[in-house]
Amino acid sequence: MNKNLILLILILSHILFISTTEGAVSNPWTSTFYFENDLFTGTDSNYTNGIKFSLISPNLSTDAPDGKLPRKVLGLIHQIPFIEKSQPKYTHKVEFAFGQNMFTPADIGRYDLITDDRPYAGWTYASTSYHRTNGKDNTMHFMDTVEMQVGVIGPLSFAKEAQKFIHNLRDLQKPNGWKHQLENEPGIAIAFERKWLFHPDTLEDFGYSLIINAGGALGNVYTYLNTGMELRFGWNVPEDFGVSLIRPAGSTRLEIGDDFMLYAFGAANGKAVARDIFLDGSTFTDSHNMEKNIFVADLAAGFALNYKRIILTWTQVLRTREFRDQDDNHSFGSIALSYSFPVDLSGLLSD
């Protein structure tokens, strides 16, 4: 795991410092690293940790700068009907991501099966998303996102090893109950979400914006409908789609500008949950499970700071009880670091 992390850092470092041309600068890639953990609030239970790395492509529209992508690849993409015939006001981007979510009961020091608390569970996945946005020539525009996640729940997620490694490194309570985690099961989820952005004619200097979202997910990992809203106010509020937590079809950082910005935000999101494997238990075998609450809400607040195409976001989240026997609401912190960078791939796949 350490070797893989070092390799990832070297690859990213190489990408960030590749020499580029104007085409790539004006239509860059964007990467985001997410880290969520409830140790920020002094607990170690429920949704206890989440990490995710995403990479979003340049705009693939026929009228956009080529972003210095391979010409053969762009040629094939531009033959896709809904891109080939798309109006200039629309952008089309794809995203690739991988991540891991971790869930534990409240008392991780116990060795026995805790029947009145949620099961241990890990979810490690890879995903592909498609993002379409309309133009920024009025006071309202939207983004549609479709995402497919494929991964594994259970020991093969390596959530046990990840938590034990971090707890040993930081001399924290040893988690002793992972032998009771959900069994190995392949997982799939398909999610769709639309976000609407409402803002004044100009967002220069001090301003505000409102974002409304609605969507849902379907799969053996989770099935739900969701909706919510976010209000932002501050200096140079961007014309993007707000702050994203680690959730299906939630990515929002499509491209980051050079302007300095600093803003605060507050958000509320709700879900009507039909299935949550981390509470309902394994799909195909008997397992420990809890009686979940159908309606779950998140209240969030935080701030974002942007400087030279790098944006740092801090979010504090309060999540209502997810299952009947849960002692209290759950709180966790979320950090997202995003960077838009040019890279010249035009020489790849050349004749």
Protein backbone atom coordinates (compact mmCIF):
# COMPACT_ATOMS: atom_id res chain seq x y z
CA MET A 1 0.00 0.00 0.00
CA ASN A 2 2.87 2.38 0.82
CA LYS A 3 4.56 1.63 -2.53
CA ASN A 4 1.33 2.38 -4.38
CA LEU A 5 0.95 5.68 -2.54
CA ILE A 6 4.51 6.70 -3.39
CA LEU A 7 3.94 5.77 -7.05
CA LEU A 8 0.75 7.84 -7.15
CA ILE A 9 2.55 10.87 -5.71
CA LEU A 10 5.34 10.55 -8.28
CA ILE A 11 2.86 10.29 -11.15
CA LEU A 12 0.90 13.33 -9.98
CA SER A 13 4.10 15.32 -9.44
CA HIS A 14 5.19 14.47 -12.99
CA ILE A 15 1.85 15.57 -14.43
CA LEU A 16 1.87 18.88 -12.58
CA PHE A 17 5.22 19.93 -14.01
CA ILE A 18 4.87 18.79 -17.64
CA SER A 19 5.57 21.62 -20.10
CA THR A 20 2.40 22.66 -21.90
CA THR A 21 0.95 24.87 -24.61
CA GLU A 22 -1.81 27.43 -24.63
CA GLY A 23 -4.44 24.93 -25.79
CA ALA A 24 -3.96 22.84 -22.68
CA VAL A 25 -3.79 25.85 -20.36
CA SER A 26 -7.19 27.14 -21.55
CA ASN A 27 -8.85 23.72 -21.26
CA PRO A 28 -7.18 21.92 -18.36
CA TRP A 29 -7.61 18.73 -16.39
CA THR A 30 -8.85 18.98 -12.80
CA SER A 31 -7.98 16.65 -9.94
CA THR A 32 -9.44 16.52 -6.43
CA PHE A 33 -8.35 14.65 -3.34
CA TYR A 34 -11.05 14.15 -0.68
CA PHE A 35 -10.49 13.14 2.93
CA GLU A 36 -13.38 12.68 5.39
CA ASN A 37 -13.08 11.49 8.99
CA ASP A 38 -15.02 11.75 12.23
CA LEU A 39 -11.84 12.10 14.30
CA PHE A 40 -12.15 15.79 13.42
CA THR A 41 -15.07 15.80 15.86
CA GLY A 42 -13.57 13.42 18.42
CA THR A 43 -15.46 10.23 17.52
CA ASP A 44 -14.54 7.02 15.74
CA SER A 45 -17.73 5.29 14.61
CA ASN A 46 -20.45 5.03 11.95
CA TYR A 47 -19.12 6.58 8.73
CA THR A 48 -15.64 6.89 10.18
CA ASN A 49 -13.42 7.48 7.15
CA GLY A 50 -13.58 8.19 3.44
CA ILE A 51 -10.92 8.93 0.84
CA LYS A 52 -11.32 9.60 -2.86
CA PHE A 53 -9.17 10.79 -5.75
CA SER A 54 -10.81 12.05 -8.93
CA LEU A 55 -9.52 13.23 -12.29
CA ILE A 56 -11.81 15.22 -14.61
CA SER A 57 -11.00 15.67 -18.29
CA PRO A 58 -10.86 18.88 -20.32
CA ASN A 59 -14.02 19.96 -22.12
CA LEU A 60 -14.62 17.45 -24.92
CA SER A 61 -17.02 19.61 -26.96
CA THR A 62 -16.25 20.00 -30.65
CA ASP A 63 -15.94 23.80 -30.33
CA ALA A 64 -13.71 23.75 -27.21
CA PRO A 65 -9.92 24.13 -27.27
CA ASP A 66 -8.51 20.65 -27.80
CA GLY A 67 -6.93 20.52 -24.35
CA LYS A 68 -3.95 18.85 -26.05
CA LEU A 69 -5.64 15.47 -26.01
CA PRO A 70 -4.60 12.79 -28.53
CA ARG A 71 -6.10 13.64 -31.92
CA LYS A 72 -7.30 10.07 -32.53
CA VAL A 73 -9.10 10.03 -29.22
CA LEU A 74 -10.71 13.43 -29.82
CA GLY A 75 -11.78 12.31 -33.29
CA LEU A 76 -13.62 9.32 -31.87
CA ILE A 77 -15.19 11.38 -29.08
CA HIS A 78 -16.43 14.02 -31.52
CA GLN A 79 -18.29 11.33 -33.47
CA ILE A 80 -20.51 10.55 -30.48
CA PRO A 81 -23.91 11.95 -31.57
CA PHE A 82 -24.82 13.90 -28.43
CA ILE A 83 -21.38 15.56 -28.48
CA GLU A 84 -21.09 16.02 -32.25
CA LYS A 85 -24.48 17.77 -32.43
CA SER A 86 -24.20 19.61 -29.12
CA GLN A 87 -24.69 23.37 -29.09
CA PRO A 88 -21.64 25.54 -28.24
CA LYS A 89 -23.13 26.55 -24.88
CA TYR A 90 -22.76 22.98 -23.53
CA THR A 91 -19.64 21.42 -22.07
CA HIS A 92 -18.95 17.69 -21.87
CA LYS A 93 -16.44 16.16 -19.46
CA VAL A 94 -15.64 12.70 -18.12
CA GLU A 95 -14.30 11.78 -14.70
CA PHE A 96 -12.35 8.84 -13.37
CA ALA A 97 -12.12 8.20 -9.63
CA PHE A 98 -11.28 5.64 -7.00
CA GLY A 99 -11.97 5.66 -3.28
CA GLN A 100 -12.66 3.80 -0.08
CA ASN A 101 -15.36 4.29 2.57
CA MET A 102 -15.23 2.73 6.03
CA PHE A 103 -17.98 2.04 8.58
CA THR A 104 -17.62 0.79 12.17
CA PRO A 105 -19.68 0.50 15.38
CA ALA A 106 -19.09 2.95 18.21
CA ASP A 107 -17.03 0.65 20.45
CA ILE A 108 -14.20 -0.61 18.23
CA GLY A 109 -12.37 -2.02 21.25
CA ARG A 110 -14.78 -4.96 21.60
CA TYR A 111 -13.98 -8.35 20.06
CA ASP A 112 -17.54 -9.73 20.06
CA LEU A 113 -20.34 -9.11 17.61
CA ILE A 114 -22.14 -5.94 18.72
CA THR A 115 -25.72 -6.80 17.87
CA ASP A 116 -27.22 -3.40 18.68
CA ASP A 117 -24.79 -1.39 16.53
CA ARG A 118 -23.96 -1.27 12.85
CA PRO A 119 -21.64 -3.87 11.27
CA TYR A 120 -18.05 -3.27 10.30
CA ALA A 121 -17.88 -2.68 6.55
CA GLY A 122 -15.55 -1.38 3.88
CA TRP A 123 -16.31 -0.26 0.31
CA THR A 124 -13.47 0.18 -2.18
CA TYR A 125 -14.47 1.21 -5.68
CA ALA A 126 -13.58 2.77 -9.01
CA SER A 127 -15.99 5.00 -10.90
CA THR A 128 -16.58 6.73 -14.20
CA SER A 129 -18.77 9.81 -14.56
CA TYR A 130 -20.09 11.99 -17.35
CA HIS A 131 -20.77 15.69 -16.71
CA ARG A 132 -22.76 18.01 -18.97
CA THR A 133 -23.23 21.71 -18.22
CA ASN A 134 -24.93 24.52 -20.07
CA GLY A 135 -23.40 27.94 -20.70
CA LYS A 136 -22.64 30.71 -18.25
CA ASP A 137 -24.40 33.51 -20.14
CA ASN A 138 -27.31 34.05 -17.76
CA THR A 139 -28.20 33.91 -14.09
CA MET A 140 -29.07 30.21 -14.05
CA HIS A 141 -27.35 27.17 -15.46
CA PHE A 142 -27.27 23.47 -14.68
CA MET A 143 -25.06 20.41 -14.57
CA ASP A 144 -26.14 16.82 -15.21
CA THR A 145 -23.98 14.00 -13.86
CA VAL A 146 -24.25 10.26 -14.46
CA GLU A 147 -21.86 8.04 -12.50
CA MET A 148 -21.22 4.30 -12.36
CA GLN A 149 -19.36 2.86 -9.37
CA VAL A 150 -17.97 -0.68 -9.35
CA GLY A 151 -16.12 -2.17 -6.41
CA VAL A 152 -16.13 -4.63 -3.54
CA ILE A 153 -17.55 -4.74 -0.01
CA GLY A 154 -15.89 -6.95 2.58
CA PRO A 155 -12.35 -8.11 3.41
CA LEU A 156 -11.21 -7.52 -0.18
CA SER A 157 -11.90 -3.80 0.33
CA PHE A 158 -8.89 -3.79 2.71
CA ALA A 159 -10.71 -1.37 5.01
CA LYS A 160 -9.59 -3.42 8.03
CA GLU A 161 -5.94 -3.12 7.04
CA ALA A 162 -6.31 0.60 6.33
CA GLN A 163 -7.87 1.38 9.71
CA LYS A 164 -5.41 -0.77 11.67
CA PHE A 165 -2.47 0.85 9.87
CA ILE A 166 -3.63 4.39 10.67
CA HIS A 167 -4.53 3.55 14.26
CA ASN A 168 -1.14 1.93 14.85
CA LEU A 169 0.59 4.90 13.23
CA ARG A 170 -1.22 7.39 15.48
CA ASP A 171 -1.30 5.16 18.58
CA LEU A 172 -5.11 5.12 18.66
CA GLN A 173 -7.51 2.47 19.97
CA LYS A 174 -6.94 -0.81 18.13
CA PRO A 175 -10.05 -1.87 16.18
CA ASN A 176 -10.74 -5.43 17.34
CA GLY A 177 -14.04 -6.41 15.72
CA TRP A 178 -13.23 -6.56 12.02
CA LYS A 179 -13.71 -10.34 11.97
CA HIS A 180 -17.45 -9.52 12.07
CA GLN A 181 -17.36 -7.30 8.97
CA LEU A 182 -19.69 -7.89 6.01
CA GLU A 183 -18.52 -10.67 3.71
CA ASN A 184 -17.01 -10.13 0.27
CA GLU A 185 -19.58 -8.97 -2.26
CA PRO A 186 -19.18 -7.19 -5.60
CA GLY A 187 -20.89 -3.83 -5.57
CA ILE A 188 -22.37 -1.64 -8.26
CA ALA A 189 -24.23 1.65 -8.16
CA ILE A 190 -25.50 3.92 -10.91
CA ALA A 191 -26.35 7.49 -9.91
CA PHE A 192 -27.80 10.56 -11.60
CA GLU A 193 -27.97 14.09 -10.27
CA ARG A 194 -28.89 17.49 -11.65
CA LYS A 195 -27.64 20.69 -10.03
CA TRP A 196 -29.08 24.16 -10.73
CA LEU A 197 -26.96 27.25 -10.03
CA PHE A 198 -28.69 30.59 -9.46
CA HIS A 199 -26.53 33.72 -9.20
CA PRO A 200 -26.55 37.48 -9.94
CA ASP A 201 -25.47 38.87 -13.31
CA THR A 202 -21.95 39.25 -11.94
CA LEU A 203 -20.15 37.41 -9.17
CA GLU A 204 -17.19 39.78 -8.95
CA ASP A 205 -16.18 41.10 -5.54
CA PHE A 206 -18.67 40.28 -2.77
CA GLY A 207 -21.55 38.12 -3.93
CA TYR A 208 -23.71 35.07 -3.37
CA SER A 209 -25.22 32.10 -5.18
CA LEU A 210 -27.76 29.34 -4.58
CA ILE A 211 -27.42 25.73 -5.73
CA ILE A 212 -30.26 23.19 -5.74
CA ASN A 213 -29.70 19.50 -6.47
CA ALA A 214 -31.88 16.44 -7.02
CA GLY A 215 -31.10 12.89 -8.03
CA GLY A 216 -30.82 9.30 -6.92
CA ALA A 217 -28.84 6.07 -7.02
CA LEU A 218 -29.68 2.46 -7.84
CA GLY A 219 -27.69 -0.66 -7.01
CA ASN A 220 -26.95 -3.33 -4.44
CA VAL A 221 -24.70 -0.92 -2.51
CA TYR A 222 -27.27 1.84 -2.12
CA THR A 223 -30.61 2.82 -3.60
CA TYR A 224 -32.08 6.21 -2.73
CA LEU A 225 -33.55 9.51 -3.86
CA ASN A 226 -31.90 12.73 -2.74
CA THR A 227 -32.35 16.48 -2.88
CA GLY A 228 -30.79 19.51 -1.26
CA MET A 229 -29.59 23.07 -1.51
CA GLU A 230 -26.50 25.15 -0.77
CA LEU A 231 -26.15 28.91 -0.15
CA ARG A 232 -22.76 30.57 -0.69
CA PHE A 233 -21.59 34.11 0.03
CA GLY A 234 -18.18 35.74 -0.05
CA TRP A 235 -15.49 37.21 -2.28
CA ASN A 236 -15.48 36.21 -5.98
CA VAL A 237 -17.93 33.33 -5.51
CA PRO A 238 -17.23 31.04 -8.50
CA GLU A 239 -19.70 30.01 -11.17
CA ASP A 240 -19.37 26.34 -10.25
CA PHE A 241 -21.67 23.87 -8.54
CA GLY A 242 -20.68 24.12 -4.93
CA VAL A 243 -18.96 21.89 -2.44
CA SER A 244 -18.95 18.14 -2.88
CA LEU A 245 -18.75 15.47 -0.25
CA ILE A 246 -17.81 11.90 -1.12
CA ARG A 247 -21.06 10.64 -2.65
CA PRO A 248 -22.25 9.26 -5.99
CA ALA A 249 -22.68 11.86 -8.75
CA GLY A 250 -21.54 14.52 -6.31
CA SER A 251 -18.41 15.89 -7.99
CA THR A 252 -18.51 19.62 -8.69
CA ARG A 253 -14.95 20.81 -9.32
CA LEU A 254 -14.92 20.73 -13.13
CA GLU A 255 -12.42 23.56 -13.57
CA ILE A 256 -10.78 26.08 -11.24
CA GLY A 257 -9.87 29.62 -12.26
CA ASP A 258 -6.96 31.87 -11.33
CA ASP A 259 -8.92 34.51 -9.40
CA PHE A 260 -8.51 34.72 -5.65
CA MET A 261 -11.70 33.80 -3.85
CA LEU A 262 -12.85 33.20 -0.32
CA TYR A 263 -16.39 32.29 0.57
CA ALA A 264 -18.48 30.58 3.24
CA PHE A 265 -21.40 28.24 2.66
CA GLY A 266 -24.20 26.36 4.33
CA ALA A 267 -26.01 23.34 2.90
CA ALA A 268 -28.82 20.92 3.67
CA ASN A 269 -29.36 17.59 1.91
CA GLY A 270 -31.89 14.82 2.47
CA LYS A 271 -32.21 11.21 1.29
CA ALA A 272 -35.04 8.72 1.14
CA VAL A 273 -33.16 5.42 1.43
CA ALA A 274 -34.51 2.15 0.04
CA ARG A 275 -31.28 0.19 0.44
CA ASP A 276 -28.00 0.76 2.28
CA ILE A 277 -25.85 -2.38 2.31
CA PHE A 278 -23.82 -1.00 5.22
CA LEU A 279 -26.95 -1.23 7.38
CA ASP A 280 -29.16 -3.75 5.56
CA GLY A 281 -26.32 -6.26 5.37
CA SER A 282 -25.11 -8.54 2.60
CA THR A 283 -27.33 -9.03 -0.44
CA PHE A 284 -26.87 -12.74 -1.06
CA THR A 285 -25.97 -14.17 2.36
CA ASP A 286 -27.17 -13.81 5.93
CA SER A 287 -25.26 -11.16 7.85
CA HIS A 288 -25.43 -8.78 10.75
CA ASN A 289 -27.76 -5.86 9.94
CA MET A 290 -29.61 -2.98 11.54
CA GLU A 291 -33.06 -1.46 11.01
CA LYS A 292 -32.23 1.63 9.01
CA ASN A 293 -34.05 4.95 9.05
CA ILE A 294 -35.68 5.69 5.71
CA PHE A 295 -35.05 9.45 5.86
CA VAL A 296 -31.55 10.79 6.55
CA ALA A 297 -30.40 14.41 6.38
CA ASP A 298 -27.04 16.18 6.27
CA LEU A 299 -26.49 19.71 7.51
CA ALA A 300 -23.16 21.18 6.44
CA ALA A 301 -21.20 24.41 6.73
CA GLY A 302 -17.69 25.49 5.85
CA PHE A 303 -15.49 27.70 3.70
CA ALA A 304 -13.47 27.57 0.50
CA LEU A 305 -10.26 29.35 -0.48
CA ASN A 306 -8.87 29.55 -4.02
CA TYR A 307 -5.47 30.78 -5.16
CA LYS A 308 -3.87 30.19 -8.57
CA ARG A 309 -6.07 27.27 -9.66
CA ILE A 310 -5.82 25.54 -6.30
CA ILE A 311 -8.90 25.42 -4.09
CA LEU A 312 -9.08 24.15 -0.52
CA THR A 313 -12.48 23.40 1.01
CA TRP A 314 -13.30 22.56 4.60
CA THR A 315 -16.77 21.21 5.47
CA GLN A 316 -18.25 20.23 8.81
CA VAL A 317 -21.17 17.81 8.49
CA LEU A 318 -23.92 16.80 10.90
CA ARG A 319 -25.74 13.64 9.78
CA THR A 320 -28.99 12.55 11.40
CA ARG A 321 -29.39 9.03 12.80
CA GLU A 322 -29.12 6.41 10.07
CA PHE A 323 -30.54 3.46 12.04
CA ARG A 324 -33.01 2.96 14.86
CA ASP A 325 -30.58 2.01 17.65
CA GLN A 326 -28.01 4.71 16.85
CA ASP A 327 -27.24 6.65 20.02
CA ASP A 328 -27.00 10.09 18.47
CA ASN A 329 -26.52 12.09 15.30
CA HIS A 330 -23.13 11.71 13.67
CA SER A 331 -20.64 14.44 12.78
CA PHE A 332 -17.52 14.39 10.63
CA GLY A 333 -15.18 16.76 8.85
CA SER A 334 -14.35 16.86 5.14
CA ILE A 335 -11.32 18.32 3.36
CA ALA A 336 -11.14 18.64 -0.43
CA LEU A 337 -8.08 19.89 -2.30
CA SER A 338 -8.58 20.57 -6.01
CA TYR A 339 -6.19 21.71 -8.72
CA SER A 340 -6.69 22.52 -12.41
CA PHE A 341 -3.57 21.79 -14.43
CA PRO A 342 -2.63 21.66 -18.12
CA VAL A 343 -1.00 18.60 -19.65
CA ASP A 344 -0.02 17.95 -23.25
CA LEU A 345 -1.07 14.45 -24.39
CA SER A 346 -1.38 15.35 -28.08
CA GLY A 347 1.68 13.28 -28.99
CA LEU A 348 0.16 10.03 -27.72
CA LEU A 349 -1.24 7.53 -30.26
CA SER A 350 0.25 9.52 -33.11
CA ASP A 351 1.12 7.82 -36.40
